[in-house]
Amino acid sequence: MSHRDYSGLFVAEGTSDLPLADIVQSIFLDHGFSVYLSRPDFSMLPKVAKDVGSRIRAGSELVGEQVDVVVVHRDADNAGPQLGGPR
């Protein structure tokens, strides 16, 4: 069986969430997949909106190549009681 390393993009709300990428990589490895998750520095680009689509597009631009997997971490700290609705 051949071994393949996978590339990925970790998109989080802020820099304090970036250590979670290491945990996600470990979970992949525990399941037999070697995945390296890039953690883009959005400050290298002009203003990047906080919505998931904008973050994925900007992260892909910063990585500069197509990735095999995208992992998105979102908190519910700004969400109301109705599944992400306003408070």
PDB file of N, CA and C in Angstrom:
ATOM      1  N   MET A   1       0.849  -1.188   0.000  1.00  0.00           N
ATOM      2  CA  MET A   1       0.000   0.000   0.000  1.00  0.00           C
ATOM      3  C   MET A   1       0.887   1.241   0.000  1.00  0.00           C
ATOM      4  N   SER A   2       0.579   2.195  -0.868  1.00  0.00           N
ATOM      5  CA  SER A   2       1.389   3.411  -0.928  1.00  0.00           C
ATOM      6  C   SER A   2       0.891   4.421   0.091  1.00  0.00           C
ATOM      7  N   HIS A   3       1.823   5.240   0.549  1.00  0.00           N
ATOM      8  CA  HIS A   3       1.507   6.265   1.535  1.00  0.00           C
ATOM      9  C   HIS A   3       1.421   7.606   0.811  1.00  0.00           C
ATOM     10  N   ARG A   4       0.424   8.374   1.124  1.00  0.00           N
ATOM     11  CA  ARG A   4       0.264   9.693   0.515  1.00  0.00           C
ATOM     12  C   ARG A   4       0.078  10.726   1.605  1.00  0.00           C
ATOM     13  N   ASP A   5       0.774  11.835   1.468  1.00  0.00           N
ATOM     14  CA  ASP A   5       0.578  12.970   2.355  1.00  0.00           C
ATOM     15  C   ASP A   5      -0.438  13.899   1.703  1.00  0.00           C
ATOM     16  N   TYR A   6      -1.345  14.416   2.508  1.00  0.00           N
ATOM     17  CA  TYR A   6      -2.385  15.306   2.015  1.00  0.00           C
ATOM     18  C   TYR A   6      -2.108  16.733   2.475  1.00  0.00           C
ATOM     19  N   SER A   7      -2.522  17.686   1.649  1.00  0.00           N
ATOM     20  CA  SER A   7      -2.395  19.090   2.027  1.00  0.00           C
ATOM     21  C   SER A   7      -3.767  19.607   2.425  1.00  0.00           C
ATOM     22  N   GLY A   8      -3.765  20.555   3.333  1.00  0.00           N
ATOM     23  CA  GLY A   8      -5.033  21.092   3.798  1.00  0.00           C
ATOM     24  C   GLY A   8      -4.931  22.558   4.151  1.00  0.00           C
ATOM     25  N   LEU A   9      -6.062  23.137   4.392  1.00  0.00           N
ATOM     26  CA  LEU A   9      -6.182  24.533   4.772  1.00  0.00           C
ATOM     27  C   LEU A   9      -7.020  24.588   6.045  1.00  0.00           C
ATOM     28  N   PHE A  10      -6.472  25.230   7.079  1.00  0.00           N
ATOM     29  CA  PHE A  10      -7.206  25.395   8.331  1.00  0.00           C
ATOM     30  C   PHE A  10      -7.674  26.842   8.404  1.00  0.00           C
ATOM     31  N   VAL A  11      -8.978  27.036   8.459  1.00  0.00           N
ATOM     32  CA  VAL A  11      -9.569  28.371   8.505  1.00  0.00           C
ATOM     33  C   VAL A  11     -10.251  28.542   9.853  1.00  0.00           C
ATOM     34  N   ALA A  12      -9.809  29.551  10.593  1.00  0.00           N
ATOM     35  CA  ALA A  12     -10.363  29.810  11.920  1.00  0.00           C
ATOM     36  C   ALA A  12     -10.788  31.272  12.013  1.00  0.00           C
ATOM     37  N   GLU A  13     -11.485  31.591  13.080  1.00  0.00           N
ATOM     38  CA  GLU A  13     -11.948  32.966  13.262  1.00  0.00           C
ATOM     39  C   GLU A  13     -10.817  33.897  13.673  1.00  0.00           C
ATOM     40  N   GLY A  14      -9.869  33.383  14.441  1.00  0.00           N
ATOM     41  CA  GLY A  14      -8.778  34.236  14.917  1.00  0.00           C
ATOM     42  C   GLY A  14      -7.533  33.428  15.213  1.00  0.00           C
ATOM     43  N   THR A  15      -6.469  34.131  15.520  1.00  0.00           N
ATOM     44  CA  THR A  15      -5.192  33.471  15.759  1.00  0.00           C
ATOM     45  C   THR A  15      -5.201  32.595  17.007  1.00  0.00           C
ATOM     46  N   SER A  16      -6.056  32.882  17.959  1.00  0.00           N
ATOM     47  CA  SER A  16      -6.104  32.056  19.171  1.00  0.00           C
ATOM     48  C   SER A  16      -6.633  30.648  18.874  1.00  0.00           C
ATOM     49  N   ASP A  17      -7.289  30.457  17.736  1.00  0.00           N
ATOM     50  CA  ASP A  17      -7.817  29.143  17.354  1.00  0.00           C
ATOM     51  C   ASP A  17      -6.796  28.295  16.591  1.00  0.00           C
ATOM     52  N   LEU A  18      -5.689  28.880  16.165  1.00  0.00           N
ATOM     53  CA  LEU A  18      -4.727  28.170  15.322  1.00  0.00           C
ATOM     54  C   LEU A  18      -4.142  26.900  15.945  1.00  0.00           C
ATOM     55  N   PRO A  19      -3.915  26.843  17.265  1.00  0.00           N
ATOM     56  CA  PRO A  19      -3.400  25.587  17.838  1.00  0.00           C
ATOM     57  C   PRO A  19      -4.327  24.390  17.616  1.00  0.00           C
ATOM     58  N   LEU A  20      -5.592  24.628  17.332  1.00  0.00           N
ATOM     59  CA  LEU A  20      -6.523  23.531  17.062  1.00  0.00           C
ATOM     60  C   LEU A  20      -6.127  22.753  15.809  1.00  0.00           C
ATOM     61  N   ALA A  21      -5.417  23.401  14.891  1.00  0.00           N
ATOM     62  CA  ALA A  21      -4.987  22.720  13.663  1.00  0.00           C
ATOM     63  C   ALA A  21      -4.109  21.511  13.998  1.00  0.00           C
ATOM     64  N   ASP A  22      -3.251  21.643  15.009  1.00  0.00           N
ATOM     65  CA  ASP A  22      -2.404  20.516  15.414  1.00  0.00           C
ATOM     66  C   ASP A  22      -3.243  19.352  15.921  1.00  0.00           C
ATOM     67  N   ILE A  23      -4.297  19.659  16.648  1.00  0.00           N
ATOM     68  CA  ILE A  23      -5.188  18.609  17.167  1.00  0.00           C
ATOM     69  C   ILE A  23      -5.898  17.910  16.014  1.00  0.00           C
ATOM     70  N   VAL A  24      -6.369  18.689  15.045  1.00  0.00           N
ATOM     71  CA  VAL A  24      -7.056  18.108  13.879  1.00  0.00           C
ATOM     72  C   VAL A  24      -6.097  17.228  13.089  1.00  0.00           C
ATOM     73  N   GLN A  25      -4.859  17.691  12.904  1.00  0.00           N
ATOM     74  CA  GLN A  25      -3.862  16.872  12.208  1.00  0.00           C
ATOM     75  C   GLN A  25      -3.647  15.545  12.931  1.00  0.00           C
ATOM     76  N   SER A  26      -3.608  15.591  14.260  1.00  0.00           N
ATOM     77  CA  SER A  26      -3.439  14.365  15.059  1.00  0.00           C
ATOM     78  C   SER A  26      -4.608  13.407  14.880  1.00  0.00           C
ATOM     79  N   ILE A  27      -5.803  13.955  14.793  1.00  0.00           N
ATOM     80  CA  ILE A  27      -6.991  13.112  14.589  1.00  0.00           C
ATOM     81  C   ILE A  27      -6.916  12.426  13.229  1.00  0.00           C
ATOM     82  N   PHE A  28      -6.529  13.175  12.196  1.00  0.00           N
ATOM     83  CA  PHE A  28      -6.342  12.558  10.880  1.00  0.00           C
ATOM     84  C   PHE A  28      -5.312  11.436  10.958  1.00  0.00           C
ATOM     85  N   LEU A  29      -4.180  11.702  11.620  1.00  0.00           N
ATOM     86  CA  LEU A  29      -3.111  10.714  11.718  1.00  0.00           C
ATOM     87  C   LEU A  29      -3.576   9.470  12.467  1.00  0.00           C
ATOM     88  N   ASP A  30      -4.358   9.659  13.520  1.00  0.00           N
ATOM     89  CA  ASP A  30      -4.922   8.529  14.279  1.00  0.00           C
ATOM     90  C   ASP A  30      -5.786   7.632  13.398  1.00  0.00           C
ATOM     91  N   HIS A  31      -6.338   8.209  12.339  1.00  0.00           N
ATOM     92  CA  HIS A  31      -7.191   7.458  11.414  1.00  0.00           C
ATOM     93  C   HIS A  31      -6.445   7.043  10.139  1.00  0.00           C
ATOM     94  N   GLY A  32      -5.118   7.186  10.160  1.00  0.00           N
ATOM     95  CA  GLY A  32      -4.302   6.698   9.062  1.00  0.00           C
ATOM     96  C   GLY A  32      -4.048   7.666   7.921  1.00  0.00           C
ATOM     97  N   PHE A  33      -4.325   8.948   8.124  1.00  0.00           N
ATOM     98  CA  PHE A  33      -4.125   9.940   7.073  1.00  0.00           C
ATOM     99  C   PHE A  33      -3.120  10.987   7.534  1.00  0.00           C
ATOM    100  N   SER A  34      -2.099  11.204   6.733  1.00  0.00           N
ATOM    101  CA  SER A  34      -1.109  12.238   7.015  1.00  0.00           C
ATOM    102  C   SER A  34      -1.552  13.523   6.317  1.00  0.00           C
ATOM    103  N   VAL A  35      -2.007  14.485   7.114  1.00  0.00           N
ATOM    104  CA  VAL A  35      -2.517  15.740   6.570  1.00  0.00           C
ATOM    105  C   VAL A  35      -1.759  16.895   7.204  1.00  0.00           C
ATOM    106  N   TYR A  36      -1.188  17.752   6.365  1.00  0.00           N
ATOM    107  CA  TYR A  36      -0.581  18.985   6.866  1.00  0.00           C
ATOM    108  C   TYR A  36      -1.539  20.127   6.572  1.00  0.00           C
ATOM    109  N   LEU A  37      -1.965  20.827   7.632  1.00  0.00           N
ATOM    110  CA  LEU A  37      -2.906  21.933   7.488  1.00  0.00           C
ATOM    111  C   LEU A  37      -2.157  23.267   7.495  1.00  0.00           C
ATOM    112  N   SER A  38      -2.213  23.991   6.395  1.00  0.00           N
ATOM    113  CA  SER A  38      -1.660  25.339   6.336  1.00  0.00           C
ATOM    114  C   SER A  38      -2.542  26.249   7.168  1.00  0.00           C
ATOM    115  N   ARG A  39      -1.918  27.187   7.834  1.00  0.00           N
ATOM    116  CA  ARG A  39      -2.629  28.168   8.657  1.00  0.00           C
ATOM    117  C   ARG A  39      -2.331  29.555   8.089  1.00  0.00           C
ATOM    118  N   PRO A  40      -3.154  30.035   7.162  1.00  0.00           N
ATOM    119  CA  PRO A  40      -2.827  31.287   6.471  1.00  0.00           C
ATOM    120  C   PRO A  40      -2.835  32.496   7.397  1.00  0.00           C
ATOM    121  N   ASP A  41      -1.941  33.429   7.102  1.00  0.00           N
ATOM    122  CA  ASP A  41      -1.863  34.695   7.825  1.00  0.00           C
ATOM    123  C   ASP A  41      -2.645  35.726   7.011  1.00  0.00           C
ATOM    124  N   PHE A  42      -3.896  35.927   7.386  1.00  0.00           N
ATOM    125  CA  PHE A  42      -4.777  36.811   6.632  1.00  0.00           C
ATOM    126  C   PHE A  42      -4.322  38.267   6.671  1.00  0.00           C
ATOM    127  N   SER A  43      -3.459  38.619   7.604  1.00  0.00           N
ATOM    128  CA  SER A  43      -2.978  39.998   7.677  1.00  0.00           C
ATOM    129  C   SER A  43      -2.065  40.340   6.494  1.00  0.00           C
ATOM    130  N   MET A  44      -1.650  39.340   5.724  1.00  0.00           N
ATOM    131  CA  MET A  44      -0.813  39.576   4.547  1.00  0.00           C
ATOM    132  C   MET A  44      -1.631  40.084   3.358  1.00  0.00           C
ATOM    133  N   LEU A  45      -2.933  40.082   3.485  1.00  0.00           N
ATOM    134  CA  LEU A  45      -3.826  40.542   2.419  1.00  0.00           C
ATOM    135  C   LEU A  45      -4.590  41.773   2.901  1.00  0.00           C
ATOM    136  N   PRO A  46      -5.110  42.568   1.947  1.00  0.00           N
ATOM    137  CA  PRO A  46      -6.018  43.643   2.366  1.00  0.00           C
ATOM    138  C   PRO A  46      -7.197  43.032   3.127  1.00  0.00           C
ATOM    139  N   LYS A  47      -7.982  43.833   3.725  1.00  0.00           N
ATOM    140  CA  LYS A  47      -9.115  43.399   4.560  1.00  0.00           C
ATOM    141  C   LYS A  47      -9.811  42.158   4.006  1.00  0.00           C
ATOM    142  N   VAL A  48      -9.858  41.096   4.835  1.00  0.00           N
ATOM    143  CA  VAL A  48     -10.543  39.861   4.463  1.00  0.00           C
ATOM    144  C   VAL A  48     -11.789  39.747   5.334  1.00  0.00           C
ATOM    145  N   ALA A  49     -12.941  39.610   4.701  1.00  0.00           N
ATOM    146  CA  ALA A  49     -14.187  39.464   5.453  1.00  0.00           C
ATOM    147  C   ALA A  49     -14.131  38.211   6.315  1.00  0.00           C
ATOM    148  N   LYS A  50     -14.921  38.167   7.358  1.00  0.00           N
ATOM    149  CA  LYS A  50     -14.892  37.052   8.303  1.00  0.00           C
ATOM    150  C   LYS A  50     -15.786  35.883   7.908  1.00  0.00           C
ATOM    151  N   ASP A  51     -16.558  36.009   6.827  1.00  0.00           N
ATOM    152  CA  ASP A  51     -17.422  34.891   6.451  1.00  0.00           C
ATOM    153  C   ASP A  51     -16.571  33.738   5.913  1.00  0.00           C
ATOM    154  N   VAL A  52     -17.098  32.539   6.013  1.00  0.00           N
ATOM    155  CA  VAL A  52     -16.348  31.325   5.671  1.00  0.00           C
ATOM    156  C   VAL A  52     -15.873  31.343   4.212  1.00  0.00           C
ATOM    157  N   GLY A  53     -16.739  31.695   3.284  1.00  0.00           N
ATOM    158  CA  GLY A  53     -16.366  31.703   1.876  1.00  0.00           C
ATOM    159  C   GLY A  53     -15.201  32.641   1.587  1.00  0.00           C
ATOM    160  N   SER A  54     -15.243  33.838   2.156  1.00  0.00           N
ATOM    161  CA  SER A  54     -14.159  34.805   1.955  1.00  0.00           C
ATOM    162  C   SER A  54     -12.861  34.294   2.548  1.00  0.00           C
ATOM    163  N   ARG A  55     -12.942  33.668   3.716  1.00  0.00           N
ATOM    164  CA  ARG A  55     -11.746  33.125   4.373  1.00  0.00           C
ATOM    165  C   ARG A  55     -11.140  31.974   3.570  1.00  0.00           C
ATOM    166  N   ILE A  56     -11.974  31.120   3.021  1.00  0.00           N
ATOM    167  CA  ILE A  56     -11.459  30.002   2.220  1.00  0.00           C
ATOM    168  C   ILE A  56     -10.798  30.526   0.950  1.00  0.00           C
ATOM    169  N   ARG A  57     -11.437  31.478   0.275  1.00  0.00           N
ATOM    170  CA  ARG A  57     -10.842  32.043  -0.946  1.00  0.00           C
ATOM    171  C   ARG A  57      -9.509  32.727  -0.647  1.00  0.00           C
ATOM    172  N   ALA A  58      -9.477  33.530   0.419  1.00  0.00           N
ATOM    173  CA  ALA A  58      -8.242  34.237   0.782  1.00  0.00           C
ATOM    174  C   ALA A  58      -7.161  33.250   1.221  1.00  0.00           C
ATOM    175  N   GLY A  59      -7.538  32.248   1.996  1.00  0.00           N
ATOM    176  CA  GLY A  59      -6.578  31.236   2.441  1.00  0.00           C
ATOM    177  C   GLY A  59      -5.998  30.470   1.275  1.00  0.00           C
ATOM    178  N   SER A  60      -6.833  30.125   0.320  1.00  0.00           N
ATOM    179  CA  SER A  60      -6.367  29.426  -0.884  1.00  0.00           C
ATOM    180  C   SER A  60      -5.390  30.291  -1.667  1.00  0.00           C
ATOM    181  N   GLU A  61      -5.679  31.582  -1.741  1.00  0.00           N
ATOM    182  CA  GLU A  61      -4.774  32.515  -2.424  1.00  0.00           C
ATOM    183  C   GLU A  61      -3.417  32.550  -1.718  1.00  0.00           C
ATOM    184  N   LEU A  62      -3.428  32.583  -0.391  1.00  0.00           N
ATOM    185  CA  LEU A  62      -2.183  32.631   0.361  1.00  0.00           C
ATOM    186  C   LEU A  62      -1.388  31.327   0.256  1.00  0.00           C
ATOM    187  N   VAL A  63      -2.078  30.202   0.251  1.00  0.00           N
ATOM    188  CA  VAL A  63      -1.408  28.912   0.130  1.00  0.00           C
ATOM    189  C   VAL A  63      -0.811  28.767  -1.263  1.00  0.00           C
ATOM    190  N   GLY A  64      -1.515  29.255  -2.265  1.00  0.00           N
ATOM    191  CA  GLY A  64      -1.000  29.280  -3.618  1.00  0.00           C
ATOM    192  C   GLY A  64      -1.117  27.983  -4.392  1.00  0.00           C
ATOM    193  N   GLU A  65      -1.798  27.019  -3.847  1.00  0.00           N
ATOM    194  CA  GLU A  65      -2.008  25.753  -4.555  1.00  0.00           C
ATOM    195  C   GLU A  65      -3.310  25.131  -4.077  1.00  0.00           C
ATOM    196  N   GLN A  66      -3.816  24.218  -4.868  1.00  0.00           N
ATOM    197  CA  GLN A  66      -5.041  23.522  -4.493  1.00  0.00           C
ATOM    198  C   GLN A  66      -4.742  22.583  -3.327  1.00  0.00           C
ATOM    199  N   VAL A  67      -5.661  22.499  -2.380  1.00  0.00           N
ATOM    200  CA  VAL A  67      -5.486  21.613  -1.230  1.00  0.00           C
ATOM    201  C   VAL A  67      -6.460  20.451  -1.326  1.00  0.00           C
ATOM    202  N   ASP A  68      -6.157  19.392  -0.576  1.00  0.00           N
ATOM    203  CA  ASP A  68      -7.009  18.210  -0.572  1.00  0.00           C
ATOM    204  C   ASP A  68      -8.180  18.322   0.398  1.00  0.00           C
ATOM    205  N   VAL A  69      -7.991  19.072   1.467  1.00  0.00           N
ATOM    206  CA  VAL A  69      -9.030  19.168   2.497  1.00  0.00           C
ATOM    207  C   VAL A  69      -9.033  20.578   3.087  1.00  0.00           C
ATOM    208  N   VAL A  70     -10.226  21.051   3.426  1.00  0.00           N
ATOM    209  CA  VAL A  70     -10.387  22.338   4.111  1.00  0.00           C
ATOM    210  C   VAL A  70     -11.083  22.055   5.433  1.00  0.00           C
ATOM    211  N   VAL A  71     -10.482  22.550   6.517  1.00  0.00           N
ATOM    212  CA  VAL A  71     -11.075  22.405   7.843  1.00  0.00           C
ATOM    213  C   VAL A  71     -11.425  23.801   8.333  1.00  0.00           C
ATOM    214  N   VAL A  72     -12.688  23.997   8.709  1.00  0.00           N
ATOM    215  CA  VAL A  72     -13.161  25.297   9.167  1.00  0.00           C
ATOM    216  C   VAL A  72     -13.556  25.176  10.628  1.00  0.00           C
ATOM    217  N   HIS A  73     -12.992  26.069  11.452  1.00  0.00           N
ATOM    218  CA  HIS A  73     -13.382  26.126  12.862  1.00  0.00           C
ATOM    219  C   HIS A  73     -14.159  27.411  13.093  1.00  0.00           C
ATOM    220  N   ARG A  74     -15.359  27.269  13.606  1.00  0.00           N
ATOM    221  CA  ARG A  74     -16.194  28.423  13.938  1.00  0.00           C
ATOM    222  C   ARG A  74     -16.713  28.244  15.359  1.00  0.00           C
ATOM    223  N   ASP A  75     -16.629  29.298  16.136  1.00  0.00           N
ATOM    224  CA  ASP A  75     -17.188  29.293  17.485  1.00  0.00           C
ATOM    225  C   ASP A  75     -18.647  29.701  17.419  1.00  0.00           C
ATOM    226  N   ALA A  76     -19.347  29.458  18.485  1.00  0.00           N
ATOM    227  CA  ALA A  76     -20.730  29.917  18.587  1.00  0.00           C
ATOM    228  C   ALA A  76     -20.818  31.110  19.532  1.00  0.00           C
ATOM    229  N   ASP A  77     -19.663  31.758  19.795  1.00  0.00           N
ATOM    230  CA  ASP A  77     -19.656  32.826  20.779  1.00  0.00           C
ATOM    231  C   ASP A  77     -20.436  34.068  20.365  1.00  0.00           C
ATOM    232  N   ASN A  78     -20.699  34.240  19.080  1.00  0.00           N
ATOM    233  CA  ASN A  78     -21.506  35.378  18.632  1.00  0.00           C
ATOM    234  C   ASN A  78     -22.907  34.967  18.224  1.00  0.00           C
ATOM    235  N   ALA A  79     -23.244  33.709  18.459  1.00  0.00           N
ATOM    236  CA  ALA A  79     -24.537  33.190  18.020  1.00  0.00           C
ATOM    237  C   ALA A  79     -25.550  33.260  19.153  1.00  0.00           C
ATOM    238  N   GLY A  80     -26.764  33.428  18.759  1.00  0.00           N
ATOM    239  CA  GLY A  80     -27.845  33.411  19.733  1.00  0.00           C
ATOM    240  C   GLY A  80     -28.331  31.985  19.950  1.00  0.00           C
ATOM    241  N   PRO A  81     -29.401  31.822  20.706  1.00  0.00           N
ATOM    242  CA  PRO A  81     -29.891  30.491  21.033  1.00  0.00           C
ATOM    243  C   PRO A  81     -30.503  29.733  19.828  1.00  0.00           C
ATOM    244  N   GLN A  82     -30.825  30.439  18.737  1.00  0.00           N
ATOM    245  CA  GLN A  82     -31.445  29.791  17.572  1.00  0.00           C
ATOM    246  C   GLN A  82     -30.396  29.468  16.511  1.00  0.00           C
ATOM    247  N   LEU A  83     -29.540  28.495  16.759  1.00  0.00           N
ATOM    248  CA  LEU A  83     -28.579  27.987  15.779  1.00  0.00           C
ATOM    249  C   LEU A  83     -27.906  29.075  14.958  1.00  0.00           C
ATOM    250  N   GLY A  84     -27.241  29.958  15.622  1.00  0.00           N
ATOM    251  CA  GLY A  84     -26.455  30.962  14.905  1.00  0.00           C
ATOM    252  C   GLY A  84     -27.178  32.269  14.657  1.00  0.00           C
ATOM    253  N   GLY A  85     -28.386  32.416  15.156  1.00  0.00           N
ATOM    254  CA  GLY A  85     -29.113  33.661  14.975  1.00  0.00           C
ATOM    255  C   GLY A  85     -28.581  34.760  15.867  1.00  0.00           C
ATOM    256  N   PRO A  86     -28.951  35.997  15.605  1.00  0.00           N
ATOM    257  CA  PRO A  86     -28.483  37.112  16.424  1.00  0.00           C
ATOM    258  C   PRO A  86     -29.025  37.037  17.838  1.00  0.00           C
ATOM    259  N   ARG A  87     -28.272  37.606  18.735  1.00  0.00           N
ATOM    260  CA  ARG A  87     -28.707  37.650  20.149  1.00  0.00           C
ATOM    261  C   ARG A  87     -29.732  38.710  20.387  1.00  0.00           C
TER     262      ARG A  87
END
